[in-house]
Amino acid sequence: MNTKLTLNLNKEIIQRAKDYAKEHNISLSFLIENYLQKIISDYKSESISKGSIVNELSGIIKLDSEVNYQEDHMDYLTEKYK
């Protein structure tokens, strides 16, 4: 259930947030809601139900513990910039 919220914020911050949302094809409401969900989940250390893109995507990729990804990345960069 959605409900309306009125906030008083700095005009420049609001405009920059609107520009950011527009560039990322999301609404300002969506941006703020997901930011608040992230703060709440970090604060309470509990999972959030549907809505937070970060929480929905976190943990999807499982990394092999036997592979040294830092070393592989360093090898890649060394080869790239030879």
PDB file of N, CA and C in Angstrom:
ATOM      1  N   MET A   1       0.841  -1.173   0.000  1.00  0.00           N
ATOM      2  CA  MET A   1       0.000   0.000   0.000  1.00  0.00           C
ATOM      3  C   MET A   1       0.887   1.236   0.000  1.00  0.00           C
ATOM      4  N   ASN A   2       0.684   2.089  -0.964  1.00  0.00           N
ATOM      5  CA  ASN A   2       1.457   3.325  -1.056  1.00  0.00           C
ATOM      6  C   ASN A   2       0.736   4.438  -0.310  1.00  0.00           C
ATOM      7  N   THR A   3       1.523   5.337   0.243  1.00  0.00           N
ATOM      8  CA  THR A   3       0.969   6.505   0.913  1.00  0.00           C
ATOM      9  C   THR A   3       1.819   7.712   0.547  1.00  0.00           C
ATOM     10  N   LYS A   4       1.237   8.878   0.590  1.00  0.00           N
ATOM     11  CA  LYS A   4       1.930  10.100   0.203  1.00  0.00           C
ATOM     12  C   LYS A   4       2.781  10.610   1.361  1.00  0.00           C
ATOM     13  N   LEU A   5       3.971  11.149   1.022  1.00  0.00           N
ATOM     14  CA  LEU A   5       4.895  11.702   2.002  1.00  0.00           C
ATOM     15  C   LEU A   5       5.362  13.055   1.493  1.00  0.00           C
ATOM     16  N   THR A   6       5.324  14.053   2.342  1.00  0.00           N
ATOM     17  CA  THR A   6       5.809  15.381   1.980  1.00  0.00           C
ATOM     18  C   THR A   6       7.127  15.632   2.689  1.00  0.00           C
ATOM     19  N   LEU A   7       8.127  16.046   1.907  1.00  0.00           N
ATOM     20  CA  LEU A   7       9.454  16.321   2.459  1.00  0.00           C
ATOM     21  C   LEU A   7       9.869  17.745   2.110  1.00  0.00           C
ATOM     22  N   ASN A   8      10.621  18.370   2.974  1.00  0.00           N
ATOM     23  CA  ASN A   8      11.222  19.668   2.706  1.00  0.00           C
ATOM     24  C   ASN A   8      12.716  19.459   2.541  1.00  0.00           C
ATOM     25  N   LEU A   9      13.196  19.634   1.306  1.00  0.00           N
ATOM     26  CA  LEU A   9      14.602  19.409   0.995  1.00  0.00           C
ATOM     27  C   LEU A   9      15.164  20.604   0.241  1.00  0.00           C
ATOM     28  N   ASN A  10      16.475  20.690   0.216  1.00  0.00           N
ATOM     29  CA  ASN A  10      17.169  21.723  -0.532  1.00  0.00           C
ATOM     30  C   ASN A  10      16.799  21.627  -2.011  1.00  0.00           C
ATOM     31  N   LYS A  11      16.467  22.763  -2.620  1.00  0.00           N
ATOM     32  CA  LYS A  11      16.012  22.807  -4.007  1.00  0.00           C
ATOM     33  C   LYS A  11      17.032  22.198  -4.970  1.00  0.00           C
ATOM     34  N   GLU A  12      18.314  22.490  -4.757  1.00  0.00           N
ATOM     35  CA  GLU A  12      19.361  21.955  -5.637  1.00  0.00           C
ATOM     36  C   GLU A  12      19.452  20.432  -5.535  1.00  0.00           C
ATOM     37  N   ILE A  13      19.318  19.902  -4.326  1.00  0.00           N
ATOM     38  CA  ILE A  13      19.361  18.449  -4.137  1.00  0.00           C
ATOM     39  C   ILE A  13      18.194  17.790  -4.850  1.00  0.00           C
ATOM     40  N   ILE A  14      17.018  18.390  -4.741  1.00  0.00           N
ATOM     41  CA  ILE A  14      15.841  17.841  -5.414  1.00  0.00           C
ATOM     42  C   ILE A  14      16.069  17.813  -6.930  1.00  0.00           C
ATOM     43  N   GLN A  15      16.575  18.899  -7.488  1.00  0.00           N
ATOM     44  CA  GLN A  15      16.796  18.947  -8.930  1.00  0.00           C
ATOM     45  C   GLN A  15      17.828  17.930  -9.377  1.00  0.00           C
ATOM     46  N   ARG A  16      18.912  17.798  -8.610  1.00  0.00           N
ATOM     47  CA  ARG A  16      19.950  16.813  -8.953  1.00  0.00           C
ATOM     48  C   ARG A  16      19.410  15.394  -8.858  1.00  0.00           C
ATOM     49  N   ALA A  17      18.572  15.141  -7.866  1.00  0.00           N
ATOM     50  CA  ALA A  17      17.964  13.814  -7.720  1.00  0.00           C
ATOM     51  C   ALA A  17      17.014  13.531  -8.884  1.00  0.00           C
ATOM     52  N   LYS A  18      16.253  14.534  -9.302  1.00  0.00           N
ATOM     53  CA  LYS A  18      15.359  14.366 -10.453  1.00  0.00           C
ATOM     54  C   LYS A  18      16.165  14.072 -11.714  1.00  0.00           C
ATOM     55  N   ASP A  19      17.269  14.792 -11.903  1.00  0.00           N
ATOM     56  CA  ASP A  19      18.128  14.554 -13.071  1.00  0.00           C
ATOM     57  C   ASP A  19      18.685  13.136 -13.053  1.00  0.00           C
ATOM     58  N   TYR A  20      19.136  12.704 -11.880  1.00  0.00           N
ATOM     59  CA  TYR A  20      19.673  11.343 -11.741  1.00  0.00           C
ATOM     60  C   TYR A  20      18.607  10.309 -12.080  1.00  0.00           C
ATOM     61  N   ALA A  21      17.417  10.483 -11.526  1.00  0.00           N
ATOM     62  CA  ALA A  21      16.326   9.544 -11.773  1.00  0.00           C
ATOM     63  C   ALA A  21      15.977   9.502 -13.258  1.00  0.00           C
ATOM     64  N   LYS A  22      15.933  10.651 -13.891  1.00  0.00           N
ATOM     65  CA  LYS A  22      15.604  10.711 -15.314  1.00  0.00           C
ATOM     66  C   LYS A  22      16.664   9.993 -16.144  1.00  0.00           C
ATOM     67  N   GLU A  23      17.937  10.218 -15.837  1.00  0.00           N
ATOM     68  CA  GLU A  23      19.026   9.570 -16.567  1.00  0.00           C
ATOM     69  C   GLU A  23      18.984   8.049 -16.425  1.00  0.00           C
ATOM     70  N   HIS A  24      18.464   7.565 -15.298  1.00  0.00           N
ATOM     71  CA  HIS A  24      18.410   6.127 -15.046  1.00  0.00           C
ATOM     72  C   HIS A  24      17.020   5.539 -15.296  1.00  0.00           C
ATOM     73  N   ASN A  25      16.147   6.341 -15.897  1.00  0.00           N
ATOM     74  CA  ASN A  25      14.790   5.898 -16.249  1.00  0.00           C
ATOM     75  C   ASN A  25      14.012   5.319 -15.075  1.00  0.00           C
ATOM     76  N   ILE A  26      14.094   5.992 -13.943  1.00  0.00           N
ATOM     77  CA  ILE A  26      13.326   5.601 -12.768  1.00  0.00           C
ATOM     78  C   ILE A  26      12.645   6.841 -12.202  1.00  0.00           C
ATOM     79  N   SER A  27      11.638   6.616 -11.394  1.00  0.00           N
ATOM     80  CA  SER A  27      10.966   7.757 -10.777  1.00  0.00           C
ATOM     81  C   SER A  27      11.725   8.185  -9.524  1.00  0.00           C
ATOM     82  N   LEU A  28      11.525   9.422  -9.157  1.00  0.00           N
ATOM     83  CA  LEU A  28      12.137   9.935  -7.939  1.00  0.00           C
ATOM     84  C   LEU A  28      11.606   9.174  -6.729  1.00  0.00           C
ATOM     85  N   SER A  29      10.330   8.849  -6.750  1.00  0.00           N
ATOM     86  CA  SER A  29       9.735   8.071  -5.653  1.00  0.00           C
ATOM     87  C   SER A  29      10.410   6.713  -5.521  1.00  0.00           C
ATOM     88  N   PHE A  30      10.640   6.051  -6.659  1.00  0.00           N
ATOM     89  CA  PHE A  30      11.303   4.740  -6.650  1.00  0.00           C
ATOM     90  C   PHE A  30      12.710   4.860  -6.086  1.00  0.00           C
ATOM     91  N   LEU A  31      13.429   5.882  -6.518  1.00  0.00           N
ATOM     92  CA  LEU A  31      14.794   6.112  -6.042  1.00  0.00           C
ATOM     93  C   LEU A  31      14.828   6.288  -4.532  1.00  0.00           C
ATOM     94  N   ILE A  32      13.979   7.138  -4.011  1.00  0.00           N
ATOM     95  CA  ILE A  32      13.958   7.412  -2.576  1.00  0.00           C
ATOM     96  C   ILE A  32      13.482   6.197  -1.788  1.00  0.00           C
ATOM     97  N   GLU A  33      12.452   5.520  -2.284  1.00  0.00           N
ATOM     98  CA  GLU A  33      11.944   4.340  -1.582  1.00  0.00           C
ATOM     99  C   GLU A  33      13.025   3.267  -1.454  1.00  0.00           C
ATOM    100  N   ASN A  34      13.748   3.010  -2.542  1.00  0.00           N
ATOM    101  CA  ASN A  34      14.791   1.986  -2.506  1.00  0.00           C
ATOM    102  C   ASN A  34      15.967   2.399  -1.637  1.00  0.00           C
ATOM    103  N   TYR A  35      16.283   3.667  -1.609  1.00  0.00           N
ATOM    104  CA  TYR A  35      17.340   4.153  -0.722  1.00  0.00           C
ATOM    105  C   TYR A  35      16.935   3.950   0.738  1.00  0.00           C
ATOM    106  N   LEU A  36      15.713   4.294   1.062  1.00  0.00           N
ATOM    107  CA  LEU A  36      15.236   4.111   2.441  1.00  0.00           C
ATOM    108  C   LEU A  36      15.195   2.629   2.816  1.00  0.00           C
ATOM    109  N   GLN A  37      14.792   1.783   1.885  1.00  0.00           N
ATOM    110  CA  GLN A  37      14.780   0.338   2.167  1.00  0.00           C
ATOM    111  C   GLN A  37      16.189  -0.173   2.445  1.00  0.00           C
ATOM    112  N   LYS A  38      17.164   0.325   1.696  1.00  0.00           N
ATOM    113  CA  LYS A  38      18.550  -0.087   1.911  1.00  0.00           C
ATOM    114  C   LYS A  38      19.037   0.337   3.291  1.00  0.00           C
ATOM    115  N   ILE A  39      18.731   1.558   3.685  1.00  0.00           N
ATOM    116  CA  ILE A  39      19.121   2.037   5.016  1.00  0.00           C
ATOM    117  C   ILE A  39      18.488   1.191   6.104  1.00  0.00           C
ATOM    118  N   ILE A  40      17.214   0.921   5.975  1.00  0.00           N
ATOM    119  CA  ILE A  40      16.499   0.135   6.978  1.00  0.00           C
ATOM    120  C   ILE A  40      17.060  -1.275   7.066  1.00  0.00           C
ATOM    121  N   SER A  41      17.345  -1.895   5.917  1.00  0.00           N
ATOM    122  CA  SER A  41      17.859  -3.266   5.944  1.00  0.00           C
ATOM    123  C   SER A  41      19.247  -3.313   6.566  1.00  0.00           C
ATOM    124  N   ASP A  42      20.073  -2.309   6.293  1.00  0.00           N
ATOM    125  CA  ASP A  42      21.400  -2.257   6.911  1.00  0.00           C
ATOM    126  C   ASP A  42      21.285  -2.035   8.415  1.00  0.00           C
ATOM    127  N   TYR A  43      20.350  -1.195   8.812  1.00  0.00           N
ATOM    128  CA  TYR A  43      20.170  -0.865  10.223  1.00  0.00           C
ATOM    129  C   TYR A  43      19.652  -2.053  11.018  1.00  0.00           C
ATOM    130  N   LYS A  44      18.670  -2.734  10.500  1.00  0.00           N
ATOM    131  CA  LYS A  44      18.054  -3.842  11.231  1.00  0.00           C
ATOM    132  C   LYS A  44      18.664  -5.190  10.885  1.00  0.00           C
ATOM    133  N   SER A  45      19.527  -5.220   9.872  1.00  0.00           N
ATOM    134  CA  SER A  45      20.159  -6.461   9.419  1.00  0.00           C
ATOM    135  C   SER A  45      19.131  -7.547   9.135  1.00  0.00           C
ATOM    136  N   GLU A  46      18.082  -7.157   8.464  1.00  0.00           N
ATOM    137  CA  GLU A  46      17.081  -8.143   8.074  1.00  0.00           C
ATOM    138  C   GLU A  46      16.755  -7.955   6.606  1.00  0.00           C
ATOM    139  N   SER A  47      16.305  -9.010   5.971  1.00  0.00           N
ATOM    140  CA  SER A  47      16.018  -8.908   4.549  1.00  0.00           C
ATOM    141  C   SER A  47      14.741  -8.117   4.320  1.00  0.00           C
ATOM    142  N   ILE A  48      14.716  -7.458   3.184  1.00  0.00           N
ATOM    143  CA  ILE A  48      13.579  -6.644   2.798  1.00  0.00           C
ATOM    144  C   ILE A  48      12.764  -7.432   1.774  1.00  0.00           C
ATOM    145  N   SER A  49      11.465  -7.337   1.871  1.00  0.00           N
ATOM    146  CA  SER A  49      10.631  -7.983   0.871  1.00  0.00           C
ATOM    147  C   SER A  49      10.794  -7.270  -0.455  1.00  0.00           C
ATOM    148  N   LYS A  50      10.120  -7.714  -1.470  1.00  0.00           N
ATOM    149  CA  LYS A  50      10.255  -7.188  -2.825  1.00  0.00           C
ATOM    150  C   LYS A  50      10.376  -5.674  -2.863  1.00  0.00           C
ATOM    151  N   GLY A  51      11.182  -5.204  -3.820  1.00  0.00           N
ATOM    152  CA  GLY A  51      11.279  -3.769  -4.018  1.00  0.00           C
ATOM    153  C   GLY A  51      12.696  -3.272  -4.163  1.00  0.00           C
ATOM    154  N   SER A  52      13.609  -3.719  -3.330  1.00  0.00           N
ATOM    155  CA  SER A  52      14.973  -3.220  -3.403  1.00  0.00           C
ATOM    156  C   SER A  52      15.762  -4.013  -4.438  1.00  0.00           C
ATOM    157  N   ILE A  53      16.192  -3.330  -5.472  1.00  0.00           N
ATOM    158  CA  ILE A  53      16.961  -3.978  -6.528  1.00  0.00           C
ATOM    159  C   ILE A  53      18.260  -4.548  -5.972  1.00  0.00           C
ATOM    160  N   VAL A  54      18.926  -3.806  -5.118  1.00  0.00           N
ATOM    161  CA  VAL A  54      20.181  -4.264  -4.532  1.00  0.00           C
ATOM    162  C   VAL A  54      19.966  -5.553  -3.754  1.00  0.00           C
ATOM    163  N   ASN A  55      18.939  -5.588  -2.924  1.00  0.00           N
ATOM    164  CA  ASN A  55      18.684  -6.783  -2.114  1.00  0.00           C
ATOM    165  C   ASN A  55      18.232  -7.966  -2.969  1.00  0.00           C
ATOM    166  N   GLU A  56      17.477  -7.707  -4.027  1.00  0.00           N
ATOM    167  CA  GLU A  56      17.026  -8.790  -4.885  1.00  0.00           C
ATOM    168  C   GLU A  56      18.178  -9.411  -5.656  1.00  0.00           C
ATOM    169  N   LEU A  57      19.177  -8.609  -6.029  1.00  0.00           N
ATOM    170  CA  LEU A  57      20.289  -9.112  -6.828  1.00  0.00           C
ATOM    171  C   LEU A  57      21.464  -9.607  -5.984  1.00  0.00           C
ATOM    172  N   SER A  58      21.541  -9.199  -4.734  1.00  0.00           N
ATOM    173  CA  SER A  58      22.651  -9.607  -3.873  1.00  0.00           C
ATOM    174  C   SER A  58      22.660 -11.123  -3.687  1.00  0.00           C
ATOM    175  N   GLY A  59      23.839 -11.728  -3.882  1.00  0.00           N
ATOM    176  CA  GLY A  59      23.998 -13.151  -3.645  1.00  0.00           C
ATOM    177  C   GLY A  59      23.657 -14.025  -4.831  1.00  0.00           C
ATOM    178  N   ILE A  60      23.309 -13.434  -5.974  1.00  0.00           N
ATOM    179  CA  ILE A  60      22.953 -14.240  -7.143  1.00  0.00           C
ATOM    180  C   ILE A  60      24.174 -14.989  -7.666  1.00  0.00           C
ATOM    181  N   ILE A  61      25.321 -14.315  -7.699  1.00  0.00           N
ATOM    182  CA  ILE A  61      26.536 -14.934  -8.226  1.00  0.00           C
ATOM    183  C   ILE A  61      27.336 -15.519  -7.070  1.00  0.00           C
ATOM    184  N   LYS A  62      27.622 -16.796  -7.171  1.00  0.00           N
ATOM    185  CA  LYS A  62      28.445 -17.476  -6.172  1.00  0.00           C
ATOM    186  C   LYS A  62      29.858 -17.613  -6.722  1.00  0.00           C
ATOM    187  N   LEU A  63      30.834 -17.088  -5.999  1.00  0.00           N
ATOM    188  CA  LEU A  63      32.219 -17.133  -6.429  1.00  0.00           C
ATOM    189  C   LEU A  63      32.905 -18.393  -5.915  1.00  0.00           C
ATOM    190  N   ASP A  64      33.739 -18.972  -6.759  1.00  0.00           N
ATOM    191  CA  ASP A  64      34.497 -20.162  -6.389  1.00  0.00           C
ATOM    192  C   ASP A  64      35.592 -19.752  -5.408  1.00  0.00           C
ATOM    193  N   SER A  65      35.591 -20.318  -4.222  1.00  0.00           N
ATOM    194  CA  SER A  65      36.539 -19.912  -3.181  1.00  0.00           C
ATOM    195  C   SER A  65      37.975 -20.332  -3.493  1.00  0.00           C
ATOM    196  N   GLU A  66      38.159 -21.261  -4.446  1.00  0.00           N
ATOM    197  CA  GLU A  66      39.499 -21.729  -4.775  1.00  0.00           C
ATOM    198  C   GLU A  66      40.196 -20.848  -5.806  1.00  0.00           C
ATOM    199  N   VAL A  67      39.465 -19.967  -6.461  1.00  0.00           N
ATOM    200  CA  VAL A  67      40.039 -19.118  -7.494  1.00  0.00           C
ATOM    201  C   VAL A  67      40.453 -17.782  -6.885  1.00  0.00           C
ATOM    202  N   ASN A  68      41.665 -17.340  -7.225  1.00  0.00           N
ATOM    203  CA  ASN A  68      42.160 -16.055  -6.742  1.00  0.00           C
ATOM    204  C   ASN A  68      41.793 -14.993  -7.779  1.00  0.00           C
ATOM    205  N   TYR A  69      40.652 -14.349  -7.576  1.00  0.00           N
ATOM    206  CA  TYR A  69      40.150 -13.386  -8.543  1.00  0.00           C
ATOM    207  C   TYR A  69      41.014 -12.133  -8.622  1.00  0.00           C
ATOM    208  N   GLN A  70      41.626 -11.744  -7.520  1.00  0.00           N
ATOM    209  CA  GLN A  70      42.502 -10.574  -7.540  1.00  0.00           C
ATOM    210  C   GLN A  70      43.728 -10.836  -8.420  1.00  0.00           C
ATOM    211  N   GLU A  71      44.287 -12.010  -8.308  1.00  0.00           N
ATOM    212  CA  GLU A  71      45.450 -12.364  -9.116  1.00  0.00           C
ATOM    213  C   GLU A  71      45.064 -12.437 -10.594  1.00  0.00           C
ATOM    214  N   ASP A  72      43.922 -13.040 -10.894  1.00  0.00           N
ATOM    215  CA  ASP A  72      43.442 -13.116 -12.273  1.00  0.00           C
ATOM    216  C   ASP A  72      43.223 -11.720 -12.847  1.00  0.00           C
ATOM    217  N   HIS A  73      42.670 -10.838 -12.051  1.00  0.00           N
ATOM    218  CA  HIS A  73      42.432  -9.472 -12.502  1.00  0.00           C
ATOM    219  C   HIS A  73      43.754  -8.751 -12.761  1.00  0.00           C
ATOM    220  N   MET A  74      44.715  -8.953 -11.886  1.00  0.00           N
ATOM    221  CA  MET A  74      46.034  -8.343 -12.057  1.00  0.00           C
ATOM    222  C   MET A  74      46.695  -8.870 -13.332  1.00  0.00           C
ATOM    223  N   ASP A  75      46.576 -10.164 -13.592  1.00  0.00           N
ATOM    224  CA  ASP A  75      47.131 -10.744 -14.826  1.00  0.00           C
ATOM    225  C   ASP A  75      46.464 -10.125 -16.051  1.00  0.00           C
ATOM    226  N   TYR A  76      45.169  -9.959 -15.985  1.00  0.00           N
ATOM    227  CA  TYR A  76      44.425  -9.342 -17.084  1.00  0.00           C
ATOM    228  C   TYR A  76      44.920  -7.926 -17.348  1.00  0.00           C
ATOM    229  N   LEU A  77      45.039  -7.125 -16.289  1.00  0.00           N
ATOM    230  CA  LEU A  77      45.491  -5.743 -16.448  1.00  0.00           C
ATOM    231  C   LEU A  77      46.922  -5.670 -16.966  1.00  0.00           C
ATOM    232  N   THR A  78      47.772  -6.559 -16.483  1.00  0.00           N
ATOM    233  CA  THR A  78      49.173  -6.602 -16.936  1.00  0.00           C
ATOM    234  C   THR A  78      49.220  -6.883 -18.434  1.00  0.00           C
ATOM    235  N   GLU A  79      48.443  -7.848 -18.882  1.00  0.00           N
ATOM    236  CA  GLU A  79      48.398  -8.209 -20.300  1.00  0.00           C
ATOM    237  C   GLU A  79      47.797  -7.074 -21.137  1.00  0.00           C
ATOM    238  N   LYS A  80      46.778  -6.447 -20.611  1.00  0.00           N
ATOM    239  CA  LYS A  80      46.089  -5.374 -21.334  1.00  0.00           C
ATOM    240  C   LYS A  80      46.987  -4.172 -21.566  1.00  0.00           C
ATOM    241  N   TYR A  81      47.801  -3.812 -20.574  1.00  0.00           N
ATOM    242  CA  TYR A  81      48.608  -2.601 -20.660  1.00  0.00           C
ATOM    243  C   TYR A  81      50.073  -2.862 -20.996  1.00  0.00           C
ATOM    244  N   LYS A  82      50.379  -3.984 -21.610  1.00  0.00           N
ATOM    245  CA  LYS A  82      51.751  -4.267 -22.035  1.00  0.00           C
ATOM    246  C   LYS A  82      52.163  -3.339 -23.131  1.00  0.00           C
TER     247      LYS A  82
END
